[in-house]
PDB file of N, CA and C in Angstrom:
ATOM      1  N   MET A   1     -67.215 -11.942 -36.621  1.00  0.00           N
ATOM      2  CA  MET A   1     -67.665 -10.869 -35.744  1.00  0.00           C
ATOM      3  C   MET A   1     -67.171  -9.506 -36.216  1.00  0.00           C
ATOM      4  N   ILE A   2     -65.910  -9.437 -36.641  1.00  0.00           N
ATOM      5  CA  ILE A   2     -65.373  -8.133 -37.013  1.00  0.00           C
ATOM      6  C   ILE A   2     -65.953  -7.637 -38.336  1.00  0.00           C
ATOM      7  N   ASN A   3     -66.246  -8.528 -39.263  1.00  0.00           N
ATOM      8  CA  ASN A   3     -66.792  -8.091 -40.549  1.00  0.00           C
ATOM      9  C   ASN A   3     -68.142  -7.403 -40.410  1.00  0.00           C
ATOM     10  N   PRO A   4     -69.095  -7.941 -39.644  1.00  0.00           N
ATOM     11  CA  PRO A   4     -70.360  -7.221 -39.471  1.00  0.00           C
ATOM     12  C   PRO A   4     -70.165  -5.873 -38.785  1.00  0.00           C
ATOM     13  N   THR A   5     -69.233  -5.817 -37.849  1.00  0.00           N
ATOM     14  CA  THR A   5     -68.960  -4.550 -37.158  1.00  0.00           C
ATOM     15  C   THR A   5     -68.405  -3.528 -38.126  1.00  0.00           C
ATOM     16  N   LEU A   6     -67.444  -3.935 -38.941  1.00  0.00           N
ATOM     17  CA  LEU A   6     -66.884  -3.017 -39.932  1.00  0.00           C
ATOM     18  C   LEU A   6     -67.929  -2.590 -40.945  1.00  0.00           C
ATOM     19  N   GLU A   7     -68.766  -3.515 -41.377  1.00  0.00           N
ATOM     20  CA  GLU A   7     -69.841  -3.167 -42.311  1.00  0.00           C
ATOM     21  C   GLU A   7     -70.761  -2.119 -41.703  1.00  0.00           C
ATOM     22  N   PHE A   8     -71.081  -2.276 -40.427  1.00  0.00           N
ATOM     23  CA  PHE A   8     -71.938  -1.296 -39.745  1.00  0.00           C
ATOM     24  C   PHE A   8     -71.259   0.069 -39.702  1.00  0.00           C
ATOM     25  N   LEU A   9     -69.978   0.091 -39.288  1.00  0.00           N
ATOM     26  CA  LEU A   9     -69.266   1.361 -39.173  1.00  0.00           C
ATOM     27  C   LEU A   9     -69.138   2.058 -40.519  1.00  0.00           C
ATOM     28  N   TYR A  10     -68.771   1.319 -41.544  1.00  0.00           N
ATOM     29  CA  TYR A  10     -68.641   1.935 -42.860  1.00  0.00           C
ATOM     30  C   TYR A  10     -70.010   2.318 -43.433  1.00  0.00           C
ATOM     31  N   GLY A  11     -71.064   1.655 -42.975  1.00  0.00           N
ATOM     32  CA  GLY A  11     -72.418   2.031 -43.382  1.00  0.00           C
ATOM     33  C   GLY A  11     -72.829   3.390 -42.844  1.00  0.00           C
ATOM     34  N   LEU A  12     -72.199   3.826 -41.766  1.00  0.00           N
ATOM     35  CA  LEU A  12     -72.500   5.140 -41.197  1.00  0.00           C
ATOM     36  C   LEU A  12     -72.052   6.275 -42.106  1.00  0.00           C
ATOM     37  N   HIS A  13     -71.153   5.970 -43.022  1.00  0.00           N
ATOM     38  CA  HIS A  13     -70.666   6.986 -43.958  1.00  0.00           C
ATOM     39  C   HIS A  13     -71.826   7.609 -44.738  1.00  0.00           C
ATOM     40  N   ASN A  14     -72.834   6.806 -45.040  1.00  0.00           N
ATOM     41  CA  ASN A  14     -74.003   7.307 -45.772  1.00  0.00           C
ATOM     42  C   ASN A  14     -74.800   8.310 -44.953  1.00  0.00           C
ATOM     43  N   ARG A  15     -74.584   8.320 -43.643  1.00  0.00           N
ATOM     44  CA  ARG A  15     -75.312   9.233 -42.754  1.00  0.00           C
ATOM     45  C   ARG A  15     -74.465  10.449 -42.398  1.00  0.00           C
ATOM     46  N   GLY A  16     -73.365  10.642 -43.088  1.00  0.00           N
ATOM     47  CA  GLY A  16     -72.532  11.818 -42.864  1.00  0.00           C
ATOM     48  C   GLY A  16     -71.370  11.599 -41.918  1.00  0.00           C
ATOM     49  N   ILE A  17     -71.215  10.404 -41.383  1.00  0.00           N
ATOM     50  CA  ILE A  17     -70.104  10.114 -40.489  1.00  0.00           C
ATOM     51  C   ILE A  17     -68.934   9.624 -41.333  1.00  0.00           C
ATOM     52  N   LYS A  18     -67.784  10.277 -41.189  1.00  0.00           N
ATOM     53  CA  LYS A  18     -66.609   9.921 -41.971  1.00  0.00           C
ATOM     54  C   LYS A  18     -65.573   9.292 -41.049  1.00  0.00           C
ATOM     55  N   LEU A  19     -65.213   8.059 -41.334  1.00  0.00           N
ATOM     56  CA  LEU A  19     -64.182   7.385 -40.564  1.00  0.00           C
ATOM     57  C   LEU A  19     -62.810   7.791 -41.060  1.00  0.00           C
ATOM     58  N   GLY A  20     -61.823   7.629 -40.218  1.00  0.00           N
ATOM     59  CA  GLY A  20     -60.456   7.937 -40.603  1.00  0.00           C
ATOM     60  C   GLY A  20     -59.972   9.224 -39.967  1.00  0.00           C
ATOM     61  N   LEU A  21     -58.728   9.533 -40.222  1.00  0.00           N
ATOM     62  CA  LEU A  21     -58.100  10.684 -39.591  1.00  0.00           C
ATOM     63  C   LEU A  21     -57.879  11.863 -40.532  1.00  0.00           C
ATOM     64  N   LYS A  22     -58.329  11.747 -41.774  1.00  0.00           N
ATOM     65  CA  LYS A  22     -58.064  12.822 -42.738  1.00  0.00           C
ATOM     66  C   LYS A  22     -58.627  14.163 -42.288  1.00  0.00           C
ATOM     67  N   ASN A  23     -59.849  14.176 -41.769  1.00  0.00           N
ATOM     68  CA  ASN A  23     -60.443  15.443 -41.322  1.00  0.00           C
ATOM     69  C   ASN A  23     -59.670  16.038 -40.145  1.00  0.00           C
ATOM     70  N   ILE A  24     -59.291  15.194 -39.189  1.00  0.00           N
ATOM     71  CA  ILE A  24     -58.543  15.666 -38.031  1.00  0.00           C
ATOM     72  C   ILE A  24     -57.168  16.167 -38.466  1.00  0.00           C
ATOM     73  N   GLU A  25     -56.505  15.429 -39.348  1.00  0.00           N
ATOM     74  CA  GLU A  25     -55.191  15.849 -39.828  1.00  0.00           C
ATOM     75  C   GLU A  25     -55.277  17.192 -40.545  1.00  0.00           C
ATOM     76  N   SER A  26     -56.320  17.396 -41.340  1.00  0.00           N
ATOM     77  CA  SER A  26     -56.505  18.675 -42.041  1.00  0.00           C
ATOM     78  C   SER A  26     -56.731  19.800 -41.044  1.00  0.00           C
ATOM     79  N   PHE A  27     -57.559  19.549 -40.048  1.00  0.00           N
ATOM     80  CA  PHE A  27     -57.849  20.563 -39.030  1.00  0.00           C
ATOM     81  C   PHE A  27     -56.573  20.935 -38.262  1.00  0.00           C
ATOM     82  N   LEU A  28     -55.799  19.931 -37.864  1.00  0.00           N
ATOM     83  CA  LEU A  28     -54.570  20.194 -37.129  1.00  0.00           C
ATOM     84  C   LEU A  28     -53.576  20.977 -37.981  1.00  0.00           C
ATOM     85  N   LYS A  29     -53.533  20.685 -39.273  1.00  0.00           N
ATOM     86  CA  LYS A  29     -52.636  21.416 -40.164  1.00  0.00           C
ATOM     87  C   LYS A  29     -53.036  22.888 -40.228  1.00  0.00           C
ATOM     88  N   ILE A  30     -54.332  23.158 -40.339  1.00  0.00           N
ATOM     89  CA  ILE A  30     -54.833  24.538 -40.367  1.00  0.00           C
ATOM     90  C   ILE A  30     -54.460  25.269 -39.087  1.00  0.00           C
ATOM     91  N   CYS A  31     -54.468  24.541 -37.969  1.00  0.00           N
ATOM     92  CA  CYS A  31     -54.149  25.132 -36.661  1.00  0.00           C
ATOM     93  C   CYS A  31     -52.647  25.241 -36.420  1.00  0.00           C
ATOM     94  N   GLY A  32     -51.833  24.827 -37.368  1.00  0.00           N
ATOM     95  CA  GLY A  32     -50.384  24.900 -37.219  1.00  0.00           C
ATOM     96  C   GLY A  32     -49.774  23.692 -36.531  1.00  0.00           C
ATOM     97  N   ASN A  33     -50.476  22.582 -36.546  1.00  0.00           N
ATOM     98  CA  ASN A  33     -50.001  21.333 -35.940  1.00  0.00           C
ATOM     99  C   ASN A  33     -49.530  21.522 -34.494  1.00  0.00           C
ATOM    100  N   PRO A  34     -50.392  22.047 -33.619  1.00  0.00           N
ATOM    101  CA  PRO A  34     -49.979  22.302 -32.231  1.00  0.00           C
ATOM    102  C   PRO A  34     -49.575  21.031 -31.479  1.00  0.00           C
ATOM    103  N   HIS A  35     -50.094  19.901 -31.897  1.00  0.00           N
ATOM    104  CA  HIS A  35     -49.773  18.637 -31.233  1.00  0.00           C
ATOM    105  C   HIS A  35     -48.303  18.259 -31.378  1.00  0.00           C
ATOM    106  N   LYS A  36     -47.629  18.873 -32.331  1.00  0.00           N
ATOM    107  CA  LYS A  36     -46.215  18.575 -32.524  1.00  0.00           C
ATOM    108  C   LYS A  36     -45.319  19.471 -31.666  1.00  0.00           C
ATOM    109  N   GLU A  37     -45.904  20.493 -31.058  1.00  0.00           N
ATOM    110  CA  GLU A  37     -45.129  21.448 -30.267  1.00  0.00           C
ATOM    111  C   GLU A  37     -45.202  21.172 -28.762  1.00  0.00           C
ATOM    112  N   ILE A  38     -46.213  20.483 -28.319  1.00  0.00           N
ATOM    113  CA  ILE A  38     -46.439  20.271 -26.888  1.00  0.00           C
ATOM    114  C   ILE A  38     -46.223  18.799 -26.565  1.00  0.00           C
ATOM    115  N   GLN A  39     -45.400  18.544 -25.542  1.00  0.00           N
ATOM    116  CA  GLN A  39     -45.209  17.166 -25.108  1.00  0.00           C
ATOM    117  C   GLN A  39     -46.355  16.804 -24.162  1.00  0.00           C
ATOM    118  N   THR A  40     -47.081  15.777 -24.512  1.00  0.00           N
ATOM    119  CA  THR A  40     -48.227  15.371 -23.708  1.00  0.00           C
ATOM    120  C   THR A  40     -48.269  13.858 -23.554  1.00  0.00           C
ATOM    121  N   ILE A  41     -49.049  13.450 -22.581  1.00  0.00           N
ATOM    122  CA  ILE A  41     -49.391  12.042 -22.419  1.00  0.00           C
ATOM    123  C   ILE A  41     -50.905  11.988 -22.429  1.00  0.00           C
ATOM    124  N   HIS A  42     -51.462  11.246 -23.351  1.00  0.00           N
ATOM    125  CA  HIS A  42     -52.912  11.141 -23.499  1.00  0.00           C
ATOM    126  C   HIS A  42     -53.375   9.834 -22.854  1.00  0.00           C
ATOM    127  N   LEU A  43     -54.229   9.958 -21.832  1.00  0.00           N
ATOM    128  CA  LEU A  43     -54.791   8.783 -21.172  1.00  0.00           C
ATOM    129  C   LEU A  43     -56.239   8.646 -21.582  1.00  0.00           C
ATOM    130  N   ALA A  44     -56.622   7.471 -22.007  1.00  0.00           N
ATOM    131  CA  ALA A  44     -58.004   7.236 -22.405  1.00  0.00           C
ATOM    132  C   ALA A  44     -58.407   5.836 -21.992  1.00  0.00           C
ATOM    133  N   GLY A  45     -59.679   5.621 -21.930  1.00  0.00           N
ATOM    134  CA  GLY A  45     -60.175   4.297 -21.590  1.00  0.00           C
ATOM    135  C   GLY A  45     -61.265   4.390 -20.542  1.00  0.00           C
ATOM    136  N   THR A  46     -61.742   3.257 -20.123  1.00  0.00           N
ATOM    137  CA  THR A  46     -62.862   3.202 -19.190  1.00  0.00           C
ATOM    138  C   THR A  46     -62.399   3.211 -17.744  1.00  0.00           C
ATOM    139  N   ASN A  47     -61.423   2.407 -17.423  1.00  0.00           N
ATOM    140  CA  ASN A  47     -60.980   2.269 -16.035  1.00  0.00           C
ATOM    141  C   ASN A  47     -59.480   2.494 -15.914  1.00  0.00           C
ATOM    142  N   GLY A  48     -59.066   2.990 -14.749  1.00  0.00           N
ATOM    143  CA  GLY A  48     -57.649   3.068 -14.429  1.00  0.00           C
ATOM    144  C   GLY A  48     -56.950   4.351 -14.801  1.00  0.00           C
ATOM    145  N   LYS A  49     -57.659   5.345 -15.308  1.00  0.00           N
ATOM    146  CA  LYS A  49     -56.991   6.589 -15.710  1.00  0.00           C
ATOM    147  C   LYS A  49     -56.406   7.327 -14.513  1.00  0.00           C
ATOM    148  N   GLY A  50     -57.119   7.354 -13.401  1.00  0.00           N
ATOM    149  CA  GLY A  50     -56.640   8.073 -12.225  1.00  0.00           C
ATOM    150  C   GLY A  50     -55.365   7.476 -11.670  1.00  0.00           C
ATOM    151  N   SER A  51     -55.344   6.166 -11.500  1.00  0.00           N
ATOM    152  CA  SER A  51     -54.143   5.526 -10.966  1.00  0.00           C
ATOM    153  C   SER A  51     -52.999   5.588 -11.968  1.00  0.00           C
ATOM    154  N   THR A  52     -53.298   5.463 -13.240  1.00  0.00           N
ATOM    155  CA  THR A  52     -52.256   5.561 -14.267  1.00  0.00           C
ATOM    156  C   THR A  52     -51.666   6.967 -14.281  1.00  0.00           C
ATOM    157  N   ALA A  53     -52.526   7.988 -14.200  1.00  0.00           N
ATOM    158  CA  ALA A  53     -52.053   9.373 -14.173  1.00  0.00           C
ATOM    159  C   ALA A  53     -51.186   9.623 -12.947  1.00  0.00           C
ATOM    160  N   SER A  54     -51.577   9.059 -11.815  1.00  0.00           N
ATOM    161  CA  SER A  54     -50.807   9.220 -10.578  1.00  0.00           C
ATOM    162  C   SER A  54     -49.424   8.584 -10.707  1.00  0.00           C
ATOM    163  N   ILE A  55     -49.359   7.404 -11.254  1.00  0.00           N
ATOM    164  CA  ILE A  55     -48.078   6.706 -11.432  1.00  0.00           C
ATOM    165  C   ILE A  55     -47.183   7.487 -12.385  1.00  0.00           C
ATOM    166  N   ILE A  56     -47.739   7.932 -13.510  1.00  0.00           N
ATOM    167  CA  ILE A  56     -46.956   8.702 -14.482  1.00  0.00           C
ATOM    168  C   ILE A  56     -46.464  10.000 -13.856  1.00  0.00           C
ATOM    169  N   SER A  57     -47.322  10.652 -13.079  1.00  0.00           N
ATOM    170  CA  SER A  57     -46.952  11.894 -12.410  1.00  0.00           C
ATOM    171  C   SER A  57     -45.767  11.682 -11.476  1.00  0.00           C
ATOM    172  N   LYS A  58     -45.807  10.633 -10.692  1.00  0.00           N
ATOM    173  CA  LYS A  58     -44.717  10.343  -9.750  1.00  0.00           C
ATOM    174  C   LYS A  58     -43.415  10.029 -10.488  1.00  0.00           C
ATOM    175  N   ILE A  59     -43.512   9.291 -11.578  1.00  0.00           N
ATOM    176  CA  ILE A  59     -42.322   8.982 -12.378  1.00  0.00           C
ATOM    177  C   ILE A  59     -41.710  10.266 -12.926  1.00  0.00           C
ATOM    178  N   LEU A  60     -42.549  11.129 -13.488  1.00  0.00           N
ATOM    179  CA  LEU A  60     -42.054  12.381 -14.065  1.00  0.00           C
ATOM    180  C   LEU A  60     -41.456  13.286 -12.986  1.00  0.00           C
ATOM    181  N   GLN A  61     -42.087  13.332 -11.804  1.00  0.00           N
ATOM    182  CA  GLN A  61     -41.547  14.139 -10.707  1.00  0.00           C
ATOM    183  C   GLN A  61     -40.168  13.640 -10.286  1.00  0.00           C
ATOM    184  N   LYS A  62     -39.998  12.334 -10.203  1.00  0.00           N
ATOM    185  CA  LYS A  62     -38.701  11.744  -9.839  1.00  0.00           C
ATOM    186  C   LYS A  62     -37.642  12.104 -10.874  1.00  0.00           C
ATOM    187  N   MET A  63     -38.082  12.289 -12.119  1.00  0.00           N
ATOM    188  CA  MET A  63     -37.150  12.654 -13.198  1.00  0.00           C
ATOM    189  C   MET A  63     -36.914  14.150 -13.253  1.00  0.00           C
ATOM    190  N   GLY A  64     -37.621  14.911 -12.394  1.00  0.00           N
ATOM    191  CA  GLY A  64     -37.467  16.359 -12.375  1.00  0.00           C
ATOM    192  C   GLY A  64     -38.280  17.087 -13.422  1.00  0.00           C
ATOM    193  N   ILE A  65     -39.254  16.421 -13.980  1.00  0.00           N
ATOM    194  CA  ILE A  65     -40.115  17.022 -15.013  1.00  0.00           C
ATOM    195  C   ILE A  65     -41.400  17.510 -14.358  1.00  0.00           C
ATOM    196  N   LYS A  66     -41.799  18.737 -14.689  1.00  0.00           N
ATOM    197  CA  LYS A  66     -43.051  19.281 -14.131  1.00  0.00           C
ATOM    198  C   LYS A  66     -44.181  19.052 -15.087  1.00  0.00           C
TER     199      LYS A  66
END
């Protein structure tokens, strides 16, 4: 199952889609790597972001972090 999926994804390269993080890393470097200066929590996914954000918020508040 994974091999056909990978073949499909890498086949997109011929259409101008580049996989990997090299482009993003280059862009961030040009911008001065702002991601290294700001402490963040990145939530992603389909379900549960709201409740997860709420729980993390309460934990951080209890720790005195705004």
